[in-house]
PDB file of N, CA and C in Angstrom:
ATOM      1  N   UNK A   1      53.810-170.338 -44.339  1.00  0.00           N
ATOM      2  CA  UNK A   1      53.972-171.859 -43.406  1.00  0.00           C
ATOM      3  C   UNK A   1      55.100-171.237 -42.971  1.00  0.00           C
ATOM      4  N   UNK A   2      56.317-171.871 -44.307  1.00  0.00           N
ATOM      5  CA  UNK A   2      57.626-171.917 -44.122  1.00  0.00           C
ATOM      6  C   UNK A   2      58.176-170.525 -43.814  1.00  0.00           C
ATOM      7  N   UNK A   3      57.663-169.651 -43.493  1.00  0.00           N
ATOM      8  CA  UNK A   3      57.982-167.780 -42.931  1.00  0.00           C
ATOM      9  C   UNK A   3      57.888-167.639 -41.986  1.00  0.00           C
ATOM     10  N   UNK A   4      56.855-168.467 -41.606  1.00  0.00           N
ATOM     11  CA  UNK A   4      56.656-168.511 -39.839  1.00  0.00           C
ATOM     12  C   UNK A   4      57.574-169.197 -38.667  1.00  0.00           C
ATOM     13  N   UNK A   5      57.810-170.162 -39.974  1.00  0.00           N
ATOM     14  CA  UNK A   5      58.682-171.837 -38.744  1.00  0.00           C
ATOM     15  C   UNK A   5      59.648-170.827 -38.436  1.00  0.00           C
ATOM     16  N   UNK A   6      60.094-170.529 -39.900  1.00  0.00           N
ATOM     17  CA  UNK A   6      61.687-169.472 -39.922  1.00  0.00           C
ATOM     18  C   UNK A   6      61.629-168.017 -38.671  1.00  0.00           C
ATOM     19  N   UNK A   7      60.488-167.062 -38.423  1.00  0.00           N
ATOM     20  CA  UNK A   7      60.306-166.683 -37.420  1.00  0.00           C
ATOM     21  C   UNK A   7      60.363-167.395 -35.926  1.00  0.00           C
ATOM     22  N   UNK A   8      59.711-168.449 -35.836  1.00  0.00           N
ATOM     23  CA  UNK A   8      59.286-169.013 -34.080  1.00  0.00           C
ATOM     24  C   UNK A   8      61.453-169.227 -33.848  1.00  0.00           C
ATOM     25  N   UNK A   9      61.761-170.368 -35.244  1.00  0.00           N
ATOM     26  CA  UNK A   9      62.834-169.987 -34.453  1.00  0.00           C
ATOM     27  C   UNK A   9      63.873-169.592 -34.210  1.00  0.00           C
ATOM     28  N   UNK A  10      63.719-168.228 -35.650  1.00  0.00           N
ATOM     29  CA  UNK A  10      64.686-166.433 -34.658  1.00  0.00           C
ATOM     30  C   UNK A  10      64.299-165.812 -33.851  1.00  0.00           C
ATOM     31  N   UNK A  11      62.956-166.017 -33.499  1.00  0.00           N
ATOM     32  CA  UNK A  11      62.588-165.879 -31.785  1.00  0.00           C
ATOM     33  C   UNK A  11      63.801-166.449 -31.196  1.00  0.00           C
ATOM     34  N   UNK A  12      63.285-167.455 -30.978  1.00  0.00           N
ATOM     35  CA  UNK A  12      64.298-168.979 -29.840  1.00  0.00           C
ATOM     36  C   UNK A  12      65.455-168.723 -30.214  1.00  0.00           C
ATOM     37  N   UNK A  13      65.993-168.169 -31.215  1.00  0.00           N
ATOM     38  CA  UNK A  13      67.890-168.223 -31.657  1.00  0.00           C
ATOM     39  C   UNK A  13      67.907-166.883 -30.749  1.00  0.00           C
ATOM     40  N   UNK A  14      67.550-165.752 -30.799  1.00  0.00           N
ATOM     41  CA  UNK A  14      67.439-164.340 -30.424  1.00  0.00           C
ATOM     42  C   UNK A  14      67.242-164.137 -28.804  1.00  0.00           C
ATOM     43  N   UNK A  15      66.226-165.155 -27.955  1.00  0.00           N
ATOM     44  CA  UNK A  15      66.129-165.476 -27.000  1.00  0.00           C
ATOM     45  C   UNK A  15      67.399-165.561 -26.078  1.00  0.00           C
ATOM     46  N   UNK A  16      67.817-167.513 -26.663  1.00  0.00           N
ATOM     47  CA  UNK A  16      69.323-167.470 -26.416  1.00  0.00           C
ATOM     48  C   UNK A  16      70.617-167.236 -26.593  1.00  0.00           C
ATOM     49  N   UNK A  17      70.680-166.487 -27.788  1.00  0.00           N
ATOM     50  CA  UNK A  17      71.876-165.023 -27.630  1.00  0.00           C
ATOM     51  C   UNK A  17      71.428-164.389 -26.274  1.00  0.00           C
ATOM     52  N   UNK A  18      70.358-163.435 -26.383  1.00  0.00           N
ATOM     53  CA  UNK A  18      70.623-162.905 -24.623  1.00  0.00           C
ATOM     54  C   UNK A  18      70.615-163.396 -23.252  1.00  0.00           C
ATOM     55  N   UNK A  19      70.291-164.966 -23.205  1.00  0.00           N
ATOM     56  CA  UNK A  19      70.757-165.496 -21.790  1.00  0.00           C
ATOM     57  C   UNK A  19      72.029-165.908 -22.270  1.00  0.00           C
ATOM     58  N   UNK A  20      72.771-166.563 -22.892  1.00  0.00           N
ATOM     59  CA  UNK A  20      73.839-166.514 -23.261  1.00  0.00           C
ATOM     60  C   UNK A  20      74.464-165.830 -22.723  1.00  0.00           C
ATOM     61  N   UNK A  21      74.350-164.514 -22.853  1.00  0.00           N
ATOM     62  CA  UNK A  21      74.409-163.214 -23.053  1.00  0.00           C
ATOM     63  C   UNK A  21      74.848-162.802 -21.222  1.00  0.00           C
ATOM     64  N   UNK A  22      73.265-163.238 -20.515  1.00  0.00           N
ATOM     65  CA  UNK A  22      73.534-162.724 -19.397  1.00  0.00           C
ATOM     66  C   UNK A  22      74.542-164.001 -18.706  1.00  0.00           C
ATOM     67  N   UNK A  23      73.668-165.753 -18.771  1.00  0.00           N
ATOM     68  CA  UNK A  23      74.499-166.517 -18.199  1.00  0.00           C
ATOM     69  C   UNK A  23      76.402-166.219 -18.659  1.00  0.00           C
ATOM     70  N   UNK A  24      77.104-165.819 -19.510  1.00  0.00           N
ATOM     71  CA  UNK A  24      78.410-165.836 -19.690  1.00  0.00           C
ATOM     72  C   UNK A  24      78.156-164.216 -18.200  1.00  0.00           C
ATOM     73  N   UNK A  25      78.097-163.220 -18.435  1.00  0.00           N
ATOM     74  CA  UNK A  25      78.268-162.301 -17.924  1.00  0.00           C
ATOM     75  C   UNK A  25      78.403-162.505 -16.284  1.00  0.00           C
ATOM     76  N   UNK A  26      77.378-162.439 -15.424  1.00  0.00           N
ATOM     77  CA  UNK A  26      76.965-163.387 -14.620  1.00  0.00           C
ATOM     78  C   UNK A  26      78.249-164.254 -13.788  1.00  0.00           C
ATOM     79  N   UNK A  27      78.428-165.002 -14.933  1.00  0.00           N
ATOM     80  CA  UNK A  27      79.532-166.161 -14.325  1.00  0.00           C
ATOM     81  C   UNK A  27      81.320-165.693 -14.698  1.00  0.00           C
ATOM     82  N   UNK A  28      81.214-164.464 -15.348  1.00  0.00           N
ATOM     83  CA  UNK A  28      82.553-163.608 -14.882  1.00  0.00           C
ATOM     84  C   UNK A  28      82.274-162.426 -13.956  1.00  0.00           C
ATOM     85  N   UNK A  29      81.579-162.215 -13.456  1.00  0.00           N
ATOM     86  CA  UNK A  29      81.444-161.531 -11.591  1.00  0.00           C
ATOM     87  C   UNK A  29      81.374-161.827 -10.695  1.00  0.00           C
ATOM     88  N   UNK A  30      81.362-163.729 -11.405  1.00  0.00           N
ATOM     89  CA  UNK A  30      80.920-165.193 -10.414  1.00  0.00           C
ATOM     90  C   UNK A  30      79.024-164.363  -9.451  1.00  0.00           C
ATOM     91  N   UNK A  31      79.041-164.136 -10.080  1.00  0.00           N
ATOM     92  CA  UNK A  31      77.295-163.884  -9.749  1.00  0.00           C
ATOM     93  C   UNK A  31      76.537-165.373  -9.289  1.00  0.00           C
ATOM     94  N   UNK A  32      77.286-165.561 -10.014  1.00  0.00           N
ATOM     95  CA  UNK A  32      75.623-167.351 -10.013  1.00  0.00           C
ATOM     96  C   UNK A  32      75.074-167.692 -10.933  1.00  0.00           C
ATOM     97  N   UNK A  33      74.719-168.510 -11.257  1.00  0.00           N
ATOM     98  CA  UNK A  33      73.463-169.134 -12.418  1.00  0.00           C
ATOM     99  C   UNK A  33      71.929-169.021 -11.949  1.00  0.00           C
ATOM    100  N   UNK A  34      72.003-169.185 -10.385  1.00  0.00           N
ATOM    101  CA  UNK A  34      71.092-169.140  -9.185  1.00  0.00           C
ATOM    102  C   UNK A  34      69.795-168.705 -10.814  1.00  0.00           C
ATOM    103  N   UNK A  35      69.039-169.626 -10.750  1.00  0.00           N
ATOM    104  CA  UNK A  35      67.443-168.825 -12.049  1.00  0.00           C
ATOM    105  C   UNK A  35      67.300-167.701 -11.640  1.00  0.00           C
ATOM    106  N   UNK A  36      66.506-167.005 -10.575  1.00  0.00           N
ATOM    107  CA  UNK A  36      65.622-165.441  -9.880  1.00  0.00           C
ATOM    108  C   UNK A  36      66.854-165.227 -10.074  1.00  0.00           C
ATOM    109  N   UNK A  37      68.492-165.073 -10.399  1.00  0.00           N
ATOM    110  CA  UNK A  37      69.793-164.068 -10.461  1.00  0.00           C
ATOM    111  C   UNK A  37      69.345-163.895 -12.093  1.00  0.00           C
ATOM    112  N   UNK A  38      69.856-164.614 -12.726  1.00  0.00           N
ATOM    113  CA  UNK A  38      69.594-164.960 -14.539  1.00  0.00           C
ATOM    114  C   UNK A  38      68.468-164.258 -15.217  1.00  0.00           C
ATOM    115  N   UNK A  39      67.372-164.545 -14.487  1.00  0.00           N
ATOM    116  CA  UNK A  39      66.200-163.576 -14.460  1.00  0.00           C
ATOM    117  C   UNK A  39      65.900-162.361 -14.476  1.00  0.00           C
ATOM    118  N   UNK A  40      66.857-162.079 -12.949  1.00  0.00           N
ATOM    119  CA  UNK A  40      66.812-160.513 -12.837  1.00  0.00           C
ATOM    120  C   UNK A  40      67.721-159.965 -13.562  1.00  0.00           C
ATOM    121  N   UNK A  41      68.926-160.329 -14.537  1.00  0.00           N
ATOM    122  CA  UNK A  41      69.249-159.974 -15.255  1.00  0.00           C
ATOM    123  C   UNK A  41      68.492-160.141 -16.831  1.00  0.00           C
ATOM    124  N   UNK A  42      67.967-160.626 -17.087  1.00  0.00           N
ATOM    125  CA  UNK A  42      67.739-161.466 -18.550  1.00  0.00           C
ATOM    126  C   UNK A  42      66.552-160.694 -18.889  1.00  0.00           C
ATOM    127  N   UNK A  43      65.796-160.418 -17.696  1.00  0.00           N
ATOM    128  CA  UNK A  43      64.016-159.629 -18.247  1.00  0.00           C
ATOM    129  C   UNK A  43      64.125-157.987 -18.805  1.00  0.00           C
ATOM    130  N   UNK A  44      65.368-156.886 -18.645  1.00  0.00           N
ATOM    131  CA  UNK A  44      65.759-155.887 -19.416  1.00  0.00           C
ATOM    132  C   UNK A  44      65.536-155.879 -21.142  1.00  0.00           C
ATOM    133  N   UNK A  45      66.751-157.110 -20.876  1.00  0.00           N
ATOM    134  CA  UNK A  45      67.586-157.767 -22.604  1.00  0.00           C
ATOM    135  C   UNK A  45      65.583-158.194 -22.641  1.00  0.00           C
ATOM    136  N   UNK A  46      65.763-158.531 -22.435  1.00  0.00           N
ATOM    137  CA  UNK A  46      64.064-159.498 -23.407  1.00  0.00           C
ATOM    138  C   UNK A  46      62.921-158.487 -23.659  1.00  0.00           C
ATOM    139  N   UNK A  47      62.828-158.019 -22.915  1.00  0.00           N
ATOM    140  CA  UNK A  47      61.880-156.427 -22.958  1.00  0.00           C
ATOM    141  C   UNK A  47      62.164-155.968 -24.298  1.00  0.00           C
ATOM    142  N   UNK A  48      63.211-155.413 -24.492  1.00  0.00           N
ATOM    143  CA  UNK A  48      64.015-154.927 -25.963  1.00  0.00           C
ATOM    144  C   UNK A  48      64.034-156.069 -26.386  1.00  0.00           C
ATOM    145  N   UNK A  49      64.485-157.063 -26.386  1.00  0.00           N
ATOM    146  CA  UNK A  49      63.904-158.022 -27.446  1.00  0.00           C
ATOM    147  C   UNK A  49      62.981-158.096 -28.264  1.00  0.00           C
ATOM    148  N   UNK A  50      61.894-158.084 -27.525  1.00  0.00           N
ATOM    149  CA  UNK A  50      60.588-157.794 -28.007  1.00  0.00           C
ATOM    150  C   UNK A  50      59.932-156.836 -28.824  1.00  0.00           C
ATOM    151  N   UNK A  51      60.907-155.842 -27.830  1.00  0.00           N
ATOM    152  CA  UNK A  51      59.862-154.709 -28.916  1.00  0.00           C
ATOM    153  C   UNK A  51      61.257-154.426 -29.573  1.00  0.00           C
ATOM    154  N   UNK A  52      62.065-154.444 -30.080  1.00  0.00           N
ATOM    155  CA  UNK A  52      62.935-154.377 -31.620  1.00  0.00           C
ATOM    156  C   UNK A  52      62.272-155.335 -32.335  1.00  0.00           C
ATOM    157  N   UNK A  53      61.195-156.512 -32.365  1.00  0.00           N
ATOM    158  CA  UNK A  53      60.423-157.184 -32.755  1.00  0.00           C
ATOM    159  C   UNK A  53      60.302-156.832 -33.311  1.00  0.00           C
ATOM    160  N   UNK A  54      58.670-156.295 -32.767  1.00  0.00           N
ATOM    161  CA  UNK A  54      57.856-155.622 -33.151  1.00  0.00           C
ATOM    162  C   UNK A  54      57.910-154.501 -33.653  1.00  0.00           C
ATOM    163  N   UNK A  55      59.453-153.911 -33.132  1.00  0.00           N
ATOM    164  CA  UNK A  55      59.806-152.754 -34.038  1.00  0.00           C
ATOM    165  C   UNK A  55      60.215-152.904 -35.626  1.00  0.00           C
ATOM    166  N   UNK A  56      60.666-153.783 -35.276  1.00  0.00           N
ATOM    167  CA  UNK A  56      61.562-153.533 -36.845  1.00  0.00           C
ATOM    168  C   UNK A  56      60.317-155.199 -37.478  1.00  0.00           C
ATOM    169  N   UNK A  57      58.711-155.468 -37.174  1.00  0.00           N
ATOM    170  CA  UNK A  57      58.023-156.314 -38.383  1.00  0.00           C
ATOM    171  C   UNK A  57      59.042-157.606 -38.060  1.00  0.00           C
ATOM    172  N   UNK A  58      60.003-157.457 -37.688  1.00  0.00           N
ATOM    173  CA  UNK A  58      61.236-159.282 -37.888  1.00  0.00           C
ATOM    174  C   UNK A  58      60.467-160.739 -38.444  1.00  0.00           C
ATOM    175  N   UNK A  59      59.233-160.961 -38.018  1.00  0.00           N
ATOM    176  CA  UNK A  59      58.544-161.989 -38.483  1.00  0.00           C
ATOM    177  C   UNK A  59      58.099-162.243 -39.931  1.00  0.00           C
ATOM    178  N   UNK A  60      58.680-161.371 -40.853  1.00  0.00           N
ATOM    179  CA  UNK A  60      58.305-160.300 -42.769  1.00  0.00           C
ATOM    180  C   UNK A  60      59.588-161.749 -43.054  1.00  0.00           C
ATOM    181  N   UNK A  61      60.223-160.820 -42.762  1.00  0.00           N
ATOM    182  CA  UNK A  61      62.741-161.541 -43.145  1.00  0.00           C
ATOM    183  C   UNK A  61      63.193-161.675 -41.443  1.00  0.00           C
ATOM    184  N   UNK A  62      62.893-162.965 -41.217  1.00  0.00           N
ATOM    185  CA  UNK A  62      63.628-162.959 -39.561  1.00  0.00           C
ATOM    186  C   UNK A  62      65.071-163.243 -39.223  1.00  0.00           C
ATOM    187  N   UNK A  63      65.598-163.277 -40.867  1.00  0.00           N
ATOM    188  CA  UNK A  63      67.210-163.416 -41.007  1.00  0.00           C
ATOM    189  C   UNK A  63      67.773-162.536 -42.022  1.00  0.00           C
ATOM    190  N   UNK A  64      66.618-161.902 -41.933  1.00  0.00           N
ATOM    191  CA  UNK A  64      67.375-160.284 -42.336  1.00  0.00           C
ATOM    192  C   UNK A  64      68.462-159.422 -41.603  1.00  0.00           C
ATOM    193  N   UNK A  65      69.445-158.849 -42.546  1.00  0.00           N
ATOM    194  CA  UNK A  65      70.500-158.297 -41.136  1.00  0.00           C
ATOM    195  C   UNK A  65      69.837-156.579 -40.951  1.00  0.00           C
ATOM    196  N   UNK A  66      69.454-155.820 -42.496  1.00  0.00           N
ATOM    197  CA  UNK A  66      68.828-154.531 -41.884  1.00  0.00           C
ATOM    198  C   UNK A  66      67.505-155.052 -43.063  1.00  0.00           C
ATOM    199  N   UNK A  67      66.953-154.597 -42.895  1.00  0.00           N
ATOM    200  CA  UNK A  67      66.588-154.055 -40.667  1.00  0.00           C
ATOM    201  C   UNK A  67      66.612-154.722 -40.109  1.00  0.00           C
ATOM    202  N   UNK A  68      65.915-155.679 -40.244  1.00  0.00           N
ATOM    203  CA  UNK A  68      65.142-156.604 -38.895  1.00  0.00           C
ATOM    204  C   UNK A  68      66.507-156.649 -38.127  1.00  0.00           C
ATOM    205  N   UNK A  69      68.199-157.393 -37.912  1.00  0.00           N
ATOM    206  CA  UNK A  69      68.433-157.337 -37.255  1.00  0.00           C
ATOM    207  C   UNK A  69      69.371-156.436 -36.535  1.00  0.00           C
ATOM    208  N   UNK A  70      69.600-155.074 -36.864  1.00  0.00           N
ATOM    209  CA  UNK A  70      69.773-154.056 -36.907  1.00  0.00           C
ATOM    210  C   UNK A  70      69.482-152.981 -35.670  1.00  0.00           C
ATOM    211  N   UNK A  71      67.599-153.485 -35.735  1.00  0.00           N
ATOM    212  CA  UNK A  71      66.719-153.120 -34.897  1.00  0.00           C
ATOM    213  C   UNK A  71      66.701-153.663 -33.229  1.00  0.00           C
ATOM    214  N   UNK A  72      66.457-154.883 -33.928  1.00  0.00           N
ATOM    215  CA  UNK A  72      66.703-156.114 -33.035  1.00  0.00           C
ATOM    216  C   UNK A  72      67.879-155.681 -31.526  1.00  0.00           C
ATOM    217  N   UNK A  73      68.910-155.550 -32.797  1.00  0.00           N
ATOM    218  CA  UNK A  73      70.359-155.339 -31.944  1.00  0.00           C
ATOM    219  C   UNK A  73      70.164-154.072 -30.513  1.00  0.00           C
ATOM    220  N   UNK A  74      69.823-153.072 -31.316  1.00  0.00           N
ATOM    221  CA  UNK A  74      69.674-151.879 -30.972  1.00  0.00           C
ATOM    222  C   UNK A  74      68.592-151.553 -29.296  1.00  0.00           C
ATOM    223  N   UNK A  75      67.762-151.907 -30.407  1.00  0.00           N
ATOM    224  CA  UNK A  75      66.375-152.247 -29.212  1.00  0.00           C
ATOM    225  C   UNK A  75      66.478-153.214 -28.386  1.00  0.00           C
ATOM    226  N   UNK A  76      67.595-154.528 -28.266  1.00  0.00           N
ATOM    227  CA  UNK A  76      67.528-155.053 -26.917  1.00  0.00           C
ATOM    228  C   UNK A  76      68.721-154.492 -26.072  1.00  0.00           C
ATOM    229  N   UNK A  77      69.626-153.825 -26.472  1.00  0.00           N
ATOM    230  CA  UNK A  77      70.735-153.073 -25.963  1.00  0.00           C
ATOM    231  C   UNK A  77      70.189-151.639 -25.482  1.00  0.00           C
ATOM    232  N   UNK A  78      69.688-151.146 -26.375  1.00  0.00           N
ATOM    233  CA  UNK A  78      68.780-149.813 -25.536  1.00  0.00           C
ATOM    234  C   UNK A  78      67.685-150.027 -24.919  1.00  0.00           C
ATOM    235  N   UNK A  79      66.772-150.866 -24.912  1.00  0.00           N
ATOM    236  CA  UNK A  79      65.685-150.571 -23.666  1.00  0.00           C
ATOM    237  C   UNK A  79      66.513-151.367 -22.647  1.00  0.00           C
ATOM    238  N   UNK A  80      66.784-152.313 -23.061  1.00  0.00           N
ATOM    239  CA  UNK A  80      67.645-152.809 -22.148  1.00  0.00           C
ATOM    240  C   UNK A  80      67.978-152.198 -20.942  1.00  0.00           C
ATOM    241  N   UNK A  81      68.850-151.846 -21.499  1.00  0.00           N
ATOM    242  CA  UNK A  81      69.661-150.426 -20.282  1.00  0.00           C
ATOM    243  C   UNK A  81      69.298-149.485 -20.150  1.00  0.00           C
ATOM    244  N   UNK A  82      68.024-149.165 -21.139  1.00  0.00           N
ATOM    245  CA  UNK A  82      67.072-148.142 -20.061  1.00  0.00           C
ATOM    246  C   UNK A  82      65.770-149.025 -18.765  1.00  0.00           C
ATOM    247  N   UNK A  83      65.378-149.765 -19.216  1.00  0.00           N
ATOM    248  CA  UNK A  83      64.439-150.733 -17.704  1.00  0.00           C
ATOM    249  C   UNK A  83      65.915-151.288 -17.194  1.00  0.00           C
ATOM    250  N   UNK A  84      67.154-151.801 -17.625  1.00  0.00           N
ATOM    251  CA  UNK A  84      67.875-151.580 -15.745  1.00  0.00           C
ATOM    252  C   UNK A  84      68.016-149.852 -15.085  1.00  0.00           C
ATOM    253  N   UNK A  85      68.726-148.850 -15.988  1.00  0.00           N
ATOM    254  CA  UNK A  85      68.639-148.366 -15.542  1.00  0.00           C
ATOM    255  C   UNK A  85      67.034-147.585 -13.778  1.00  0.00           C
ATOM    256  N   UNK A  86      66.365-147.635 -14.869  1.00  0.00           N
ATOM    257  CA  UNK A  86      64.634-147.788 -13.991  1.00  0.00           C
ATOM    258  C   UNK A  86      64.671-148.604 -13.112  1.00  0.00           C
ATOM    259  N   UNK A  87      65.409-150.021 -13.755  1.00  0.00           N
ATOM    260  CA  UNK A  87      64.720-150.768 -11.840  1.00  0.00           C
ATOM    261  C   UNK A  87      65.804-151.106 -10.827  1.00  0.00           C
ATOM    262  N   UNK A  88      66.984-150.155 -11.231  1.00  0.00           N
ATOM    263  CA  UNK A  88      67.587-149.597  -9.954  1.00  0.00           C
ATOM    264  C   UNK A  88      69.000-151.050 -10.332  1.00  0.00           C
ATOM    265  N   UNK A  89      69.322-151.525 -11.050  1.00  0.00           N
ATOM    266  CA  UNK A  89      70.253-152.718 -11.715  1.00  0.00           C
ATOM    267  C   UNK A  89      71.072-151.495 -12.120  1.00  0.00           C
ATOM    268  N   UNK A  90      71.133-150.838 -12.892  1.00  0.00           N
ATOM    269  CA  UNK A  90      72.521-149.396 -13.183  1.00  0.00           C
ATOM    270  C   UNK A  90      73.211-150.222 -14.587  1.00  0.00           C
ATOM    271  N   UNK A  91      74.102-149.158 -14.973  1.00  0.00           N
ATOM    272  CA  UNK A  91      74.401-149.541 -15.947  1.00  0.00           C
ATOM    273  C   UNK A  91      76.117-149.017 -15.588  1.00  0.00           C
ATOM    274  N   UNK A  92      77.091-148.607 -16.442  1.00  0.00           N
ATOM    275  CA  UNK A  92      77.994-148.494 -16.822  1.00  0.00           C
ATOM    276  C   UNK A  92      78.491-148.535 -18.299  1.00  0.00           C
ATOM    277  N   UNK A  93      79.051-147.567 -18.189  1.00  0.00           N
ATOM    278  CA  UNK A  93      79.797-147.596 -19.890  1.00  0.00           C
ATOM    279  C   UNK A  93      80.349-148.785 -20.400  1.00  0.00           C
ATOM    280  N   UNK A  94      81.604-149.922 -19.772  1.00  0.00           N
ATOM    281  CA  UNK A  94      82.692-150.329 -20.017  1.00  0.00           C
ATOM    282  C   UNK A  94      81.359-151.921 -20.230  1.00  0.00           C
ATOM    283  N   UNK A  95      80.068-151.809 -19.439  1.00  0.00           N
ATOM    284  CA  UNK A  95      78.879-152.899 -19.625  1.00  0.00           C
ATOM    285  C   UNK A  95      78.120-152.067 -20.906  1.00  0.00           C
ATOM    286  N   UNK A  96      77.610-151.034 -21.561  1.00  0.00           N
ATOM    287  CA  UNK A  96      77.123-150.981 -22.628  1.00  0.00           C
ATOM    288  C   UNK A  96      78.039-151.448 -23.512  1.00  0.00           C
ATOM    289  N   UNK A  97      79.152-151.342 -23.746  1.00  0.00           N
ATOM    290  CA  UNK A  97      80.471-151.180 -25.062  1.00  0.00           C
ATOM    291  C   UNK A  97      80.057-152.861 -24.565  1.00  0.00           C
ATOM    292  N   UNK A  98      80.571-154.190 -24.010  1.00  0.00           N
ATOM    293  CA  UNK A  98      80.183-155.192 -24.263  1.00  0.00           C
ATOM    294  C   UNK A  98      79.265-155.490 -24.953  1.00  0.00           C
ATOM    295  N   UNK A  99      77.975-154.737 -24.109  1.00  0.00           N
ATOM    296  CA  UNK A  99      76.346-155.724 -24.009  1.00  0.00           C
ATOM    297  C   UNK A  99      76.490-155.143 -25.591  1.00  0.00           C
ATOM    298  N   UNK A 100      76.890-153.858 -26.426  1.00  0.00           N
ATOM    299  CA  UNK A 100      76.697-153.520 -28.078  1.00  0.00           C
ATOM    300  C   UNK A 100      78.008-154.705 -28.608  1.00  0.00           C
ATOM    301  N   UNK A 101      79.230-155.007 -28.371  1.00  0.00           N
ATOM    302  CA  UNK A 101      79.455-155.706 -28.345  1.00  0.00           C
ATOM    303  C   UNK A 101      79.278-157.406 -28.926  1.00  0.00           C
ATOM    304  N   UNK A 102      79.065-157.888 -27.198  1.00  0.00           N
ATOM    305  CA  UNK A 102      78.466-159.638 -27.541  1.00  0.00           C
ATOM    306  C   UNK A 102      77.116-159.970 -28.592  1.00  0.00           C
ATOM    307  N   UNK A 103      75.851-159.114 -27.866  1.00  0.00           N
ATOM    308  CA  UNK A 103      74.909-159.021 -28.434  1.00  0.00           C
ATOM    309  C   UNK A 103      74.729-158.679 -29.901  1.00  0.00           C
ATOM    310  N   UNK A 104      75.860-157.170 -30.295  1.00  0.00           N
ATOM    311  CA  UNK A 104      75.616-157.361 -31.813  1.00  0.00           C
ATOM    312  C   UNK A 104      76.180-158.801 -32.355  1.00  0.00           C
ATOM    313  N   UNK A 105      76.715-158.865 -32.073  1.00  0.00           N
ATOM    314  CA  UNK A 105      78.249-160.108 -32.667  1.00  0.00           C
ATOM    315  C   UNK A 105      76.808-161.460 -32.869  1.00  0.00           C
ATOM    316  N   UNK A 106      76.483-161.090 -31.697  1.00  0.00           N
ATOM    317  CA  UNK A 106      75.064-162.814 -31.505  1.00  0.00           C
ATOM    318  C   UNK A 106      74.461-163.086 -32.566  1.00  0.00           C
ATOM    319  N   UNK A 107      73.180-161.827 -32.119  1.00  0.00           N
ATOM    320  CA  UNK A 107      72.358-161.245 -32.676  1.00  0.00           C
ATOM    321  C   UNK A 107      72.516-160.652 -34.706  1.00  0.00           C
ATOM    322  N   UNK A 108      73.304-160.230 -34.546  1.00  0.00           N
ATOM    323  CA  UNK A 108      73.623-160.314 -36.481  1.00  0.00           C
ATOM    324  C   UNK A 108      74.649-161.393 -36.864  1.00  0.00           C
ATOM    325  N   UNK A 109      75.477-162.219 -36.517  1.00  0.00           N
ATOM    326  CA  UNK A 109      76.661-163.762 -36.345  1.00  0.00           C
ATOM    327  C   UNK A 109      75.440-164.464 -37.402  1.00  0.00           C
ATOM    328  N   UNK A 110      74.338-164.705 -35.994  1.00  0.00           N
ATOM    329  CA  UNK A 110      73.616-165.890 -36.647  1.00  0.00           C
ATOM    330  C   UNK A 110      72.711-165.333 -37.463  1.00  0.00           C
ATOM    331  N   UNK A 111      72.277-164.523 -37.784  1.00  0.00           N
ATOM    332  CA  UNK A 111      71.415-164.173 -39.014  1.00  0.00           C
ATOM    333  C   UNK A 111      72.040-164.536 -40.841  1.00  0.00           C
ATOM    334  N   UNK A 112      73.029-163.876 -40.141  1.00  0.00           N
ATOM    335  CA  UNK A 112      74.460-164.072 -41.024  1.00  0.00           C
ATOM    336  C   UNK A 112      74.913-165.508 -41.552  1.00  0.00           C
ATOM    337  N   UNK A 113      74.927-165.813 -40.599  1.00  0.00           N
ATOM    338  CA  UNK A 113      74.825-166.931 -40.778  1.00  0.00           C
ATOM    339  C   UNK A 113      74.492-168.337 -41.086  1.00  0.00           C
ATOM    340  N   UNK A 114      72.996-167.748 -41.004  1.00  0.00           N
ATOM    341  CA  UNK A 114      71.447-168.396 -41.189  1.00  0.00           C
ATOM    342  C   UNK A 114      71.944-168.333 -42.788  1.00  0.00           C
ATOM    343  N   UNK A 115      71.954-167.150 -43.405  1.00  0.00           N
ATOM    344  CA  UNK A 115      71.456-166.315 -44.741  1.00  0.00           C
ATOM    345  C   UNK A 115      72.620-167.185 -45.979  1.00  0.00           C
ATOM    346  N   UNK A 116      74.110-167.018 -44.935  1.00  0.00           N
ATOM    347  CA  UNK A 116      74.724-168.177 -45.147  1.00  0.00           C
ATOM    348  C   UNK A 116      74.118-169.460 -45.593  1.00  0.00           C
ATOM    349  N   UNK A 117      73.724-170.363 -45.126  1.00  0.00           N
ATOM    350  CA  UNK A 117      73.244-171.266 -45.024  1.00  0.00           C
ATOM    351  C   UNK A 117      72.338-171.290 -46.208  1.00  0.00           C
ATOM    352  N   UNK A 118      71.038-170.927 -46.697  1.00  0.00           N
ATOM    353  CA  UNK A 118      70.158-171.148 -46.830  1.00  0.00           C
ATOM    354  C   UNK A 118      70.056-170.842 -48.201  1.00  0.00           C
ATOM    355  N   UNK A 119      71.236-170.282 -48.098  1.00  0.00           N
ATOM    356  CA  UNK A 119      71.964-170.230 -49.876  1.00  0.00           C
ATOM    357  C   UNK A 119      72.281-171.498 -49.944  1.00  0.00           C
TER     358      UNK A 119
END
């Protein structure tokens, strides 16, 4: 039961990390924080996040950096960018680099802190 609780909390923290990335990004480009705008920017990355969780079977070890955290991070960014292009939202090299850095820091960083706190 404890592992299931960790997995639920981990999913929630991951979703919050993606939403923080989207909200900060939209605010820095003065696109506003309207709920519809946030949703339209966030959905590709949230789909990538879900795919990463499934691909890594992260519910088995939600605080693991390897392989779960790395797979989740890379799937979130990769699939998020692909879905943005397919949906006509576009990408730029600078945006990909920022997404990799920010989401890497947040999706892996909280796991590292969580593992340290669990000890």
